[in-house]
Amino acid sequence: MHRLLFFLLMTALSTGALMAQDAGKTSRAKELAQDYAKVLNLTAEQRQMATKIFGEHLSKSRENWHAADGEKEAFDEAQQATFKATDTKIKALLNDEQLAIYKEKRQELKRKSLEYYVSEHVKE
């Protein structure tokens, strides 16, 4: 009986932790999409699609971090590929005017994304 209660408690705690991670990822993805929306004047539909793209990006960044196991070079290499994929997806959403602004502001927007990830996941 105690083992069953322990198992149920651990399952509930694990599920809660995963749900909290997903909620945090979704919240941060929305924040990133809002940053882009302000700078690029995204439509509601573009903002929704950007939120999905950033959610995928944050998940992949988390995977990259865990897979690199503290190896900075491995993480940087994986992140370059992740940023490139995200960049391609974001560009596909934009009209010509938005794309021109994006190209001009891309490094600033990318830096904000990376600063957030490091502040949340890299402890000194």
Protein backbone atom coordinates (compact mmCIF):
# COMPACT_ATOMS: atom_id res chain seq x y z
CA MET A 1 0.00 0.00 0.00
CA HIS A 2 2.80 2.43 0.90
CA ARG A 3 4.59 1.65 -2.35
CA LEU A 4 1.45 2.40 -4.32
CA LEU A 5 0.98 5.73 -2.53
CA PHE A 6 4.64 6.58 -3.06
CA PHE A 7 4.36 5.71 -6.77
CA LEU A 8 1.22 7.83 -7.17
CA LEU A 9 2.83 10.75 -5.35
CA MET A 10 5.97 10.59 -7.50
CA THR A 11 3.89 10.35 -10.68
CA ALA A 12 1.85 13.38 -9.66
CA LEU A 13 4.96 15.41 -8.81
CA SER A 14 6.67 14.47 -12.08
CA THR A 15 3.59 15.33 -14.10
CA GLY A 16 3.28 18.65 -12.29
CA ALA A 17 6.93 19.50 -12.97
CA LEU A 18 6.56 18.69 -16.67
CA MET A 19 3.39 20.76 -16.91
CA ALA A 20 5.15 23.69 -15.22
CA GLN A 21 8.04 23.42 -17.70
CA ASP A 22 5.60 23.41 -20.62
CA ALA A 23 3.73 26.38 -19.16
CA GLY A 24 6.99 28.29 -18.75
CA LYS A 25 8.06 27.43 -22.29
CA THR A 26 4.70 28.53 -23.68
CA SER A 27 4.85 31.76 -21.68
CA ARG A 28 8.37 32.55 -22.88
CA ALA A 29 7.48 31.65 -26.46
CA LYS A 30 4.60 34.16 -26.24
CA GLU A 31 6.97 36.81 -24.86
CA LEU A 32 9.41 36.24 -27.73
CA ALA A 33 6.59 36.39 -30.26
CA GLN A 34 5.42 39.66 -28.69
CA ASP A 35 8.95 41.10 -28.97
CA TYR A 36 9.01 40.15 -32.64
CA ALA A 37 5.43 41.35 -33.14
CA LYS A 38 6.28 44.82 -31.85
CA VAL A 39 9.43 45.17 -33.93
CA LEU A 40 8.02 43.61 -37.10
CA ASN A 41 4.36 44.63 -36.84
CA LEU A 42 3.13 41.03 -37.06
CA THR A 43 -0.51 40.20 -37.67
CA ALA A 44 -2.41 38.12 -35.12
CA GLU A 45 -2.00 35.04 -37.30
CA GLN A 46 1.74 35.64 -37.72
CA ARG A 47 2.06 36.14 -33.95
CA GLN A 48 0.32 32.82 -33.30
CA MET A 49 2.59 31.01 -35.75
CA ALA A 50 5.67 32.74 -34.28
CA THR A 51 4.64 31.58 -30.78
CA LYS A 52 4.59 27.99 -32.04
CA ILE A 53 7.97 28.40 -33.74
CA PHE A 54 9.54 29.87 -30.59
CA GLY A 55 8.05 27.09 -28.46
CA GLU A 56 9.74 24.57 -30.75
CA HIS A 57 12.96 26.60 -30.62
CA LEU A 58 13.00 26.67 -26.81
CA SER A 59 12.34 22.92 -26.64
CA LYS A 60 15.18 22.26 -29.06
CA SER A 61 17.47 24.60 -27.11
CA ARG A 62 16.69 22.66 -23.94
CA GLU A 63 17.49 19.41 -25.78
CA ASN A 64 20.74 20.92 -27.08
CA TRP A 65 21.75 21.94 -23.58
CA HIS A 66 21.12 18.52 -22.09
CA ALA A 67 22.74 16.70 -25.02
CA ALA A 68 25.86 18.88 -24.79
CA ASP A 69 26.27 17.90 -21.13
CA GLY A 70 28.18 21.07 -20.27
CA GLU A 71 30.34 21.09 -23.41
CA LYS A 72 30.19 24.70 -24.58
CA GLU A 73 31.40 23.96 -28.11
CA ALA A 74 28.85 21.17 -28.60
CA PHE A 75 26.06 23.42 -27.31
CA ASP A 76 27.14 26.34 -29.50
CA GLU A 77 27.26 24.13 -32.58
CA ALA A 78 23.82 22.68 -31.90
CA GLN A 79 22.41 26.12 -31.15
CA GLN A 80 23.72 27.50 -34.44
CA ALA A 81 21.70 24.84 -36.25
CA THR A 82 18.67 25.57 -34.08
CA PHE A 83 18.88 29.33 -34.71
CA LYS A 84 19.27 28.70 -38.44
CA ALA A 85 16.14 26.52 -38.52
CA THR A 86 14.16 29.05 -36.48
CA ASP A 87 15.42 31.88 -38.68
CA THR A 88 14.22 30.06 -41.80
CA LYS A 89 10.78 29.45 -40.29
CA ILE A 90 10.40 33.07 -39.15
CA LYS A 91 11.47 34.44 -42.54
CA ALA A 92 8.79 32.31 -44.21
CA LEU A 93 6.13 34.11 -42.14
CA LEU A 94 7.12 37.62 -43.16
CA ASN A 95 6.17 39.90 -46.01
CA ASP A 96 8.88 41.89 -47.82
CA GLU A 97 8.64 44.93 -45.53
CA GLN A 98 8.77 42.81 -42.37
CA LEU A 99 11.64 40.78 -43.79
CA ALA A 100 13.71 43.91 -44.36
CA ILE A 101 13.15 45.00 -40.74
CA TYR A 102 13.87 41.49 -39.52
CA LYS A 103 17.20 41.36 -41.32
CA GLU A 104 18.12 44.70 -39.75
CA LYS A 105 17.03 43.71 -36.20
CA ARG A 106 17.73 39.95 -36.28
CA GLN A 107 20.88 39.99 -34.12
CA GLU A 108 19.19 42.08 -31.45
CA LEU A 109 16.17 39.78 -31.37
CA LYS A 110 18.35 36.65 -31.33
CA ARG A 111 20.44 38.09 -28.48
CA LYS A 112 17.29 38.60 -26.37
CA SER A 113 16.32 35.00 -26.93
CA LEU A 114 19.75 33.68 -26.00
CA GLU A 115 20.03 35.93 -22.94
CA TYR A 116 16.75 34.56 -21.64
CA TYR A 117 17.82 30.95 -22.14
CA VAL A 118 21.17 31.47 -20.43
CA SER A 119 19.59 33.35 -17.51
CA GLU A 120 17.12 30.50 -16.96
CA HIS A 121 19.39 27.52 -17.47
CA VAL A 122 23.01 28.45 -16.84
CA LYS A 123 23.79 28.85 -13.17
CA GLU A 124 27.13 30.33 -12.15
